[in-house]
Amino acid sequence: QANRRRRLFLKRIRKYPVKFLGQAVFTLLQLRFKSGRLYKLKLSELKSFPRKKPGILKEVSNINQIDFNSLKADNPYDYVLLAGVGILSSSTINKLEKPILNVHFGITPKYRGVHGGYYALRDKDWKNLGITYHYVDEGIDTGEPIRHVLLNKPYGLNYHTVRLEQTIVMLKTLEETFTEYILPLKKDVLTVVD
């Protein structure tokens, strides 16, 4: 595994040297921001949340490698809730046979993909800075939205703190979203986090 990562890393440097240099500089700048006061405050607030399990909590490195058949046999569930996982393959979507929900850290359809909150922050698009609860389909963050939740205090946020703030908003609104928008919830929710 480590050798594979090393080979991919070296291949990327050879193939995209300018892009790699830009990413390296960006990574070094991240260290500066992650030592900032606001980042530490947001991280502290995030760590203060109680660790409640809304259903079956399964942490995975690759969502597409879960054996859902054995999981269903041991733990029946009615919904699958994803947060921070990669893109589901068509075969994984078909294996689940239950509604799949995702918490997207951006407001869809305007900001799809991994850094939706950052792009809204960069564009000063306060009406689209937040999170989206949506159903999962075969596209990337293209499923039918269930609920948009905007960030109340976007000022002072940066690339690093916006993700923490979005996570805090998700933790504050998750139960309410299920109670008011998705229920009746009959059994359990399979929650998958990366």
C-alpha atoms as a PDB file:
ATOM      1  CA  GLN A   1       0.000   0.000   0.000  1.00  0.00           C
ATOM      2  CA  ALA A   2       2.778   2.433   0.942  1.00  0.00           C
ATOM      3  CA  ASN A   3       4.815   1.529  -2.164  1.00  0.00           C
ATOM      4  CA  ARG A   4       1.754   2.043  -4.354  1.00  0.00           C
ATOM      5  CA  ARG A   5       1.194   5.519  -2.909  1.00  0.00           C
ATOM      6  CA  ARG A   6       4.865   6.374  -3.390  1.00  0.00           C
ATOM      7  CA  ARG A   7       4.775   5.285  -7.054  1.00  0.00           C
ATOM      8  CA  LEU A   8       1.616   7.333  -7.680  1.00  0.00           C
ATOM      9  CA  PHE A   9       3.206  10.319  -5.942  1.00  0.00           C
ATOM     10  CA  LEU A  10       6.383  10.144  -8.072  1.00  0.00           C
ATOM     11  CA  LYS A  11       4.391   9.563 -11.265  1.00  0.00           C
ATOM     12  CA  ARG A  12       2.325  12.673 -10.523  1.00  0.00           C
ATOM     13  CA  ILE A  13       5.443  14.791  -9.983  1.00  0.00           C
ATOM     14  CA  ARG A  14       6.882  13.667 -13.338  1.00  0.00           C
ATOM     15  CA  LYS A  15       3.611  14.090 -15.240  1.00  0.00           C
ATOM     16  CA  TYR A  16       2.472  17.428 -13.729  1.00  0.00           C
ATOM     17  CA  PRO A  17       5.506  19.236 -12.260  1.00  0.00           C
ATOM     18  CA  VAL A  18       3.990  22.758 -12.310  1.00  0.00           C
ATOM     19  CA  LYS A  19       0.677  21.621 -10.852  1.00  0.00           C
ATOM     20  CA  PHE A  20       2.533  19.623  -8.199  1.00  0.00           C
ATOM     21  CA  LEU A  21       4.634  22.642  -7.228  1.00  0.00           C
ATOM     22  CA  GLY A  22       1.466  24.734  -6.829  1.00  0.00           C
ATOM     23  CA  GLN A  23      -0.120  22.048  -4.649  1.00  0.00           C
ATOM     24  CA  ALA A  24       3.041  21.811  -2.538  1.00  0.00           C
ATOM     25  CA  VAL A  25       3.061  25.583  -1.920  1.00  0.00           C
ATOM     26  CA  PHE A  26      -0.664  25.453  -1.115  1.00  0.00           C
ATOM     27  CA  THR A  27      -0.054  22.629   1.375  1.00  0.00           C
ATOM     28  CA  LEU A  28       2.674  24.646   3.110  1.00  0.00           C
ATOM     29  CA  LEU A  29       0.327  27.639   3.357  1.00  0.00           C
ATOM     30  CA  GLN A  30      -2.275  25.377   4.965  1.00  0.00           C
ATOM     31  CA  LEU A  31       0.037  24.867   7.929  1.00  0.00           C
ATOM     32  CA  ARG A  32      -0.085  28.599   8.600  1.00  0.00           C
ATOM     33  CA  PHE A  33      -3.888  28.736   8.543  1.00  0.00           C
ATOM     34  CA  LYS A  34      -4.313  25.573  10.611  1.00  0.00           C
ATOM     35  CA  SER A  35      -2.370  27.197  13.418  1.00  0.00           C
ATOM     36  CA  GLY A  36      -4.718  30.210  13.415  1.00  0.00           C
ATOM     37  CA  ARG A  37      -7.043  31.168  16.268  1.00  0.00           C
ATOM     38  CA  LEU A  38     -10.321  30.731  14.349  1.00  0.00           C
ATOM     39  CA  TYR A  39      -9.313  27.254  13.143  1.00  0.00           C
ATOM     40  CA  LYS A  40      -8.522  26.201  16.705  1.00  0.00           C
ATOM     41  CA  LEU A  41     -11.843  27.617  17.974  1.00  0.00           C
ATOM     42  CA  LYS A  42     -13.843  25.760  15.291  1.00  0.00           C
ATOM     43  CA  LEU A  43     -11.931  22.540  15.937  1.00  0.00           C
ATOM     44  CA  SER A  44     -12.594  22.891  19.664  1.00  0.00           C
ATOM     45  CA  GLU A  45     -16.319  23.447  19.005  1.00  0.00           C
ATOM     46  CA  LEU A  46     -16.419  20.414  16.745  1.00  0.00           C
ATOM     47  CA  LYS A  47     -14.734  18.203  19.347  1.00  0.00           C
ATOM     48  CA  SER A  48     -17.267  19.285  21.973  1.00  0.00           C
ATOM     49  CA  PHE A  49     -20.165  17.553  20.171  1.00  0.00           C
ATOM     50  CA  PRO A  50     -21.329  14.354  21.841  1.00  0.00           C
ATOM     51  CA  ARG A  51     -20.614  11.256  19.783  1.00  0.00           C
ATOM     52  CA  LYS A  52     -24.119   9.951  19.087  1.00  0.00           C
ATOM     53  CA  LYS A  53     -24.648   7.133  16.640  1.00  0.00           C
ATOM     54  CA  PRO A  54     -27.850   7.737  14.661  1.00  0.00           C
ATOM     55  CA  GLY A  55     -27.901   4.104  13.617  1.00  0.00           C
ATOM     56  CA  ILE A  56     -25.240   1.734  12.512  1.00  0.00           C
ATOM     57  CA  LEU A  57     -22.013   3.694  12.222  1.00  0.00           C
ATOM     58  CA  LYS A  58     -19.500   2.244   9.801  1.00  0.00           C
ATOM     59  CA  GLU A  59     -16.242   4.012   9.069  1.00  0.00           C
ATOM     60  CA  VAL A  60     -14.693   3.045   5.754  1.00  0.00           C
ATOM     61  CA  SER A  61     -11.820   4.058   3.524  1.00  0.00           C
ATOM     62  CA  ASN A  62     -13.663   3.058   0.334  1.00  0.00           C
ATOM     63  CA  ILE A  63     -17.466   2.971   0.283  1.00  0.00           C
ATOM     64  CA  ASN A  64     -17.464   0.732  -2.793  1.00  0.00           C
ATOM     65  CA  GLN A  65     -15.696  -2.097  -0.918  1.00  0.00           C
ATOM     66  CA  ILE A  66     -18.304  -2.649   1.813  1.00  0.00           C
ATOM     67  CA  ASP A  67     -19.982  -6.059   1.854  1.00  0.00           C
ATOM     68  CA  PHE A  68     -23.547  -4.747   2.055  1.00  0.00           C
ATOM     69  CA  ASN A  69     -25.134  -8.215   1.995  1.00  0.00           C
ATOM     70  CA  SER A  70     -23.557  -9.241   5.300  1.00  0.00           C
ATOM     71  CA  LEU A  71     -24.192  -5.791   6.721  1.00  0.00           C
ATOM     72  CA  LYS A  72     -27.916  -5.990   5.860  1.00  0.00           C
ATOM     73  CA  ALA A  73     -28.218  -9.459   7.382  1.00  0.00           C
ATOM     74  CA  ASP A  74     -26.740  -8.329  10.711  1.00  0.00           C
ATOM     75  CA  ASN A  75     -28.257  -4.829  10.863  1.00  0.00           C
ATOM     76  CA  PRO A  76     -31.452  -4.072   8.957  1.00  0.00           C
ATOM     77  CA  TYR A  77     -31.772  -0.423   7.964  1.00  0.00           C
ATOM     78  CA  ASP A  78     -34.121   1.774   5.950  1.00  0.00           C
ATOM     79  CA  TYR A  79     -31.774   4.528   4.796  1.00  0.00           C
ATOM     80  CA  VAL A  80     -28.084   4.957   4.091  1.00  0.00           C
ATOM     81  CA  LEU A  81     -26.580   8.307   5.105  1.00  0.00           C
ATOM     82  CA  LEU A  82     -23.235   9.269   3.578  1.00  0.00           C
ATOM     83  CA  ALA A  83     -20.939  12.035   4.782  1.00  0.00           C
ATOM     84  CA  GLY A  84     -17.553  12.769   3.284  1.00  0.00           C
ATOM     85  CA  VAL A  85     -17.197   9.600   1.221  1.00  0.00           C
ATOM     86  CA  GLY A  86     -16.083   9.224  -2.353  1.00  0.00           C
ATOM     87  CA  ILE A  87     -18.235   8.661  -5.400  1.00  0.00           C
ATOM     88  CA  LEU A  88     -20.451   5.579  -5.301  1.00  0.00           C
ATOM     89  CA  SER A  89     -20.196   3.217  -8.235  1.00  0.00           C
ATOM     90  CA  SER A  90     -23.384   2.175 -10.030  1.00  0.00           C
ATOM     91  CA  SER A  91     -23.000  -1.352  -8.692  1.00  0.00           C
ATOM     92  CA  THR A  92     -22.781  -0.067  -5.096  1.00  0.00           C
ATOM     93  CA  ILE A  93     -25.907   2.051  -5.569  1.00  0.00           C
ATOM     94  CA  ASN A  94     -27.754  -0.969  -6.943  1.00  0.00           C
ATOM     95  CA  LYS A  95     -26.578  -3.254  -4.102  1.00  0.00           C
ATOM     96  CA  LEU A  96     -28.017  -0.999  -1.416  1.00  0.00           C
ATOM     97  CA  GLU A  97     -31.675  -1.280  -2.469  1.00  0.00           C
ATOM     98  CA  LYS A  98     -32.572   1.461   0.036  1.00  0.00           C
ATOM     99  CA  PRO A  99     -32.749   5.246  -0.250  1.00  0.00           C
ATOM    100  CA  ILE A 100     -29.250   6.714  -0.098  1.00  0.00           C
ATOM    101  CA  LEU A 101     -28.820  10.178   1.371  1.00  0.00           C
ATOM    102  CA  ASN A 102     -25.725  12.350   1.301  1.00  0.00           C
ATOM    103  CA  VAL A 103     -24.613  15.358   3.286  1.00  0.00           C
ATOM    104  CA  HIS A 104     -22.844  17.577   0.740  1.00  0.00           C
ATOM    105  CA  PHE A 105     -20.647  20.395   1.987  1.00  0.00           C
ATOM    106  CA  GLY A 106     -21.951  22.936  -0.493  1.00  0.00           C
ATOM    107  CA  ILE A 107     -25.287  24.137  -1.821  1.00  0.00           C
ATOM    108  CA  THR A 108     -26.397  22.154  -4.843  1.00  0.00           C
ATOM    109  CA  PRO A 109     -26.931  22.485  -7.718  1.00  0.00           C
ATOM    110  CA  LYS A 110     -24.633  25.523  -7.845  1.00  0.00           C
ATOM    111  CA  TYR A 111     -21.662  24.084  -5.937  1.00  0.00           C
ATOM    112  CA  ARG A 112     -21.102  20.391  -6.575  1.00  0.00           C
ATOM    113  CA  GLY A 113     -18.003  18.396  -5.780  1.00  0.00           C
ATOM    114  CA  VAL A 114     -15.616  18.316  -2.867  1.00  0.00           C
ATOM    115  CA  HIS A 115     -14.974  22.001  -2.113  1.00  0.00           C
ATOM    116  CA  GLY A 116     -18.423  23.535  -2.607  1.00  0.00           C
ATOM    117  CA  GLY A 117     -18.202  25.602   0.557  1.00  0.00           C
ATOM    118  CA  TYR A 118     -14.816  26.977  -0.356  1.00  0.00           C
ATOM    119  CA  TYR A 119     -15.977  28.120  -3.799  1.00  0.00           C
ATOM    120  CA  ALA A 120     -19.031  29.864  -2.329  1.00  0.00           C
ATOM    121  CA  LEU A 121     -16.746  31.538   0.226  1.00  0.00           C
ATOM    122  CA  ARG A 122     -14.274  32.557  -2.484  1.00  0.00           C
ATOM    123  CA  ASP A 123     -17.094  34.019  -4.599  1.00  0.00           C
ATOM    124  CA  LYS A 124     -18.676  35.736  -1.546  1.00  0.00           C
ATOM    125  CA  ASP A 125     -21.863  33.897  -2.494  1.00  0.00           C
ATOM    126  CA  TRP A 126     -23.431  33.959   0.984  1.00  0.00           C
ATOM    127  CA  LYS A 127     -26.790  32.688  -0.313  1.00  0.00           C
ATOM    128  CA  ASN A 128     -25.075  29.471  -1.379  1.00  0.00           C
ATOM    129  CA  LEU A 129     -22.676  28.893   1.521  1.00  0.00           C
ATOM    130  CA  GLY A 130     -23.828  25.910   3.534  1.00  0.00           C
ATOM    131  CA  ILE A 131     -24.664  22.219   3.258  1.00  0.00           C
ATOM    132  CA  THR A 132     -27.152  20.175   1.266  1.00  0.00           C
ATOM    133  CA  TYR A 133     -28.909  17.010   2.313  1.00  0.00           C
ATOM    134  CA  HIS A 134     -29.801  15.177  -0.902  1.00  0.00           C
ATOM    135  CA  TYR A 135     -30.688  11.792  -2.320  1.00  0.00           C
ATOM    136  CA  VAL A 136     -27.874  10.009  -4.137  1.00  0.00           C
ATOM    137  CA  ASP A 137     -28.118   9.108  -7.796  1.00  0.00           C
ATOM    138  CA  GLU A 138     -25.408   8.081 -10.259  1.00  0.00           C
ATOM    139  CA  GLY A 139     -24.202  11.666 -10.813  1.00  0.00           C
ATOM    140  CA  ILE A 140     -21.880  13.712  -8.607  1.00  0.00           C
ATOM    141  CA  ASP A 141     -24.067  15.618  -6.128  1.00  0.00           C
ATOM    142  CA  THR A 142     -26.914  15.668  -8.659  1.00  0.00           C
ATOM    143  CA  GLY A 143     -29.542  13.860  -6.582  1.00  0.00           C
ATOM    144  CA  GLU A 144     -32.787  15.508  -5.546  1.00  0.00           C
ATOM    145  CA  PRO A 145     -32.156  17.979  -2.694  1.00  0.00           C
ATOM    146  CA  ILE A 146     -33.946  17.325   0.588  1.00  0.00           C
ATOM    147  CA  ARG A 147     -32.794  20.399   2.477  1.00  0.00           C
ATOM    148  CA  HIS A 148     -30.325  23.281   2.181  1.00  0.00           C
ATOM    149  CA  VAL A 149     -28.877  24.699   5.404  1.00  0.00           C
ATOM    150  CA  LEU A 150     -26.995  27.997   5.150  1.00  0.00           C
ATOM    151  CA  LEU A 151     -24.148  29.054   7.421  1.00  0.00           C
ATOM    152  CA  ASN A 152     -25.210  31.864   9.745  1.00  0.00           C
ATOM    153  CA  LYS A 153     -21.855  33.545  10.282  1.00  0.00           C
ATOM    154  CA  PRO A 154     -19.695  33.237   7.174  1.00  0.00           C
ATOM    155  CA  TYR A 155     -17.447  36.203   8.007  1.00  0.00           C
ATOM    156  CA  GLY A 156     -13.927  35.379   9.088  1.00  0.00           C
ATOM    157  CA  LEU A 157     -14.009  31.911   7.561  1.00  0.00           C
ATOM    158  CA  ASN A 158     -11.261  30.678   5.243  1.00  0.00           C
ATOM    159  CA  TYR A 159     -10.479  27.569   3.223  1.00  0.00           C
ATOM    160  CA  HIS A 160      -9.788  25.524   6.380  1.00  0.00           C
ATOM    161  CA  THR A 161     -12.412  26.825   8.748  1.00  0.00           C
ATOM    162  CA  VAL A 162     -15.331  26.691   6.301  1.00  0.00           C
ATOM    163  CA  ARG A 163     -15.189  22.870   6.264  1.00  0.00           C
ATOM    164  CA  LEU A 164     -15.175  22.761  10.062  1.00  0.00           C
ATOM    165  CA  GLU A 165     -18.119  25.185  10.212  1.00  0.00           C
ATOM    166  CA  GLN A 166     -20.036  23.064   7.704  1.00  0.00           C
ATOM    167  CA  THR A 167     -19.384  19.958   9.813  1.00  0.00           C
ATOM    168  CA  ILE A 168     -20.688  21.763  12.899  1.00  0.00           C
ATOM    169  CA  VAL A 169     -23.831  22.816  10.994  1.00  0.00           C
ATOM    170  CA  MET A 170     -24.315  19.221   9.852  1.00  0.00           C
ATOM    171  CA  LEU A 171     -24.061  17.903  13.409  1.00  0.00           C
ATOM    172  CA  LYS A 172     -26.516  20.544  14.633  1.00  0.00           C
ATOM    173  CA  THR A 173     -29.093  19.874  11.893  1.00  0.00           C
ATOM    174  CA  LEU A 174     -28.839  16.139  11.230  1.00  0.00           C
ATOM    175  CA  GLU A 175     -31.439  14.953  13.711  1.00  0.00           C
ATOM    176  CA  GLU A 176     -33.847  17.773  12.815  1.00  0.00           C
ATOM    177  CA  THR A 177     -33.447  16.972   9.117  1.00  0.00           C
ATOM    178  CA  PHE A 178     -34.437  13.374   9.683  1.00  0.00           C
ATOM    179  CA  THR A 179     -37.264  14.273  12.037  1.00  0.00           C
ATOM    180  CA  GLU A 180     -38.814  16.972   9.871  1.00  0.00           C
ATOM    181  CA  TYR A 181     -37.834  16.052   6.322  1.00  0.00           C
ATOM    182  CA  ILE A 182     -37.177  12.322   6.003  1.00  0.00           C
ATOM    183  CA  LEU A 183     -39.181  10.471   8.673  1.00  0.00           C
ATOM    184  CA  PRO A 184     -41.018   8.272   9.382  1.00  0.00           C
ATOM    185  CA  LEU A 185     -37.817   6.413  10.016  1.00  0.00           C
ATOM    186  CA  LYS A 186     -38.798   2.815  10.642  1.00  0.00           C
ATOM    187  CA  LYS A 187     -35.579   1.143  11.750  1.00  0.00           C
ATOM    188  CA  ASP A 188     -31.984   2.308  11.534  1.00  0.00           C
ATOM    189  CA  VAL A 189     -29.875   4.553   9.400  1.00  0.00           C
ATOM    190  CA  LEU A 190     -26.605   3.212   8.069  1.00  0.00           C
ATOM    191  CA  THR A 191     -24.235   6.155   8.474  1.00  0.00           C
ATOM    192  CA  VAL A 192     -20.972   6.015   6.534  1.00  0.00           C
ATOM    193  CA  VAL A 193     -18.209   8.531   7.207  1.00  0.00           C
ATOM    194  CA  ASP A 194     -14.784   8.744   5.619  1.00  0.00           C
END
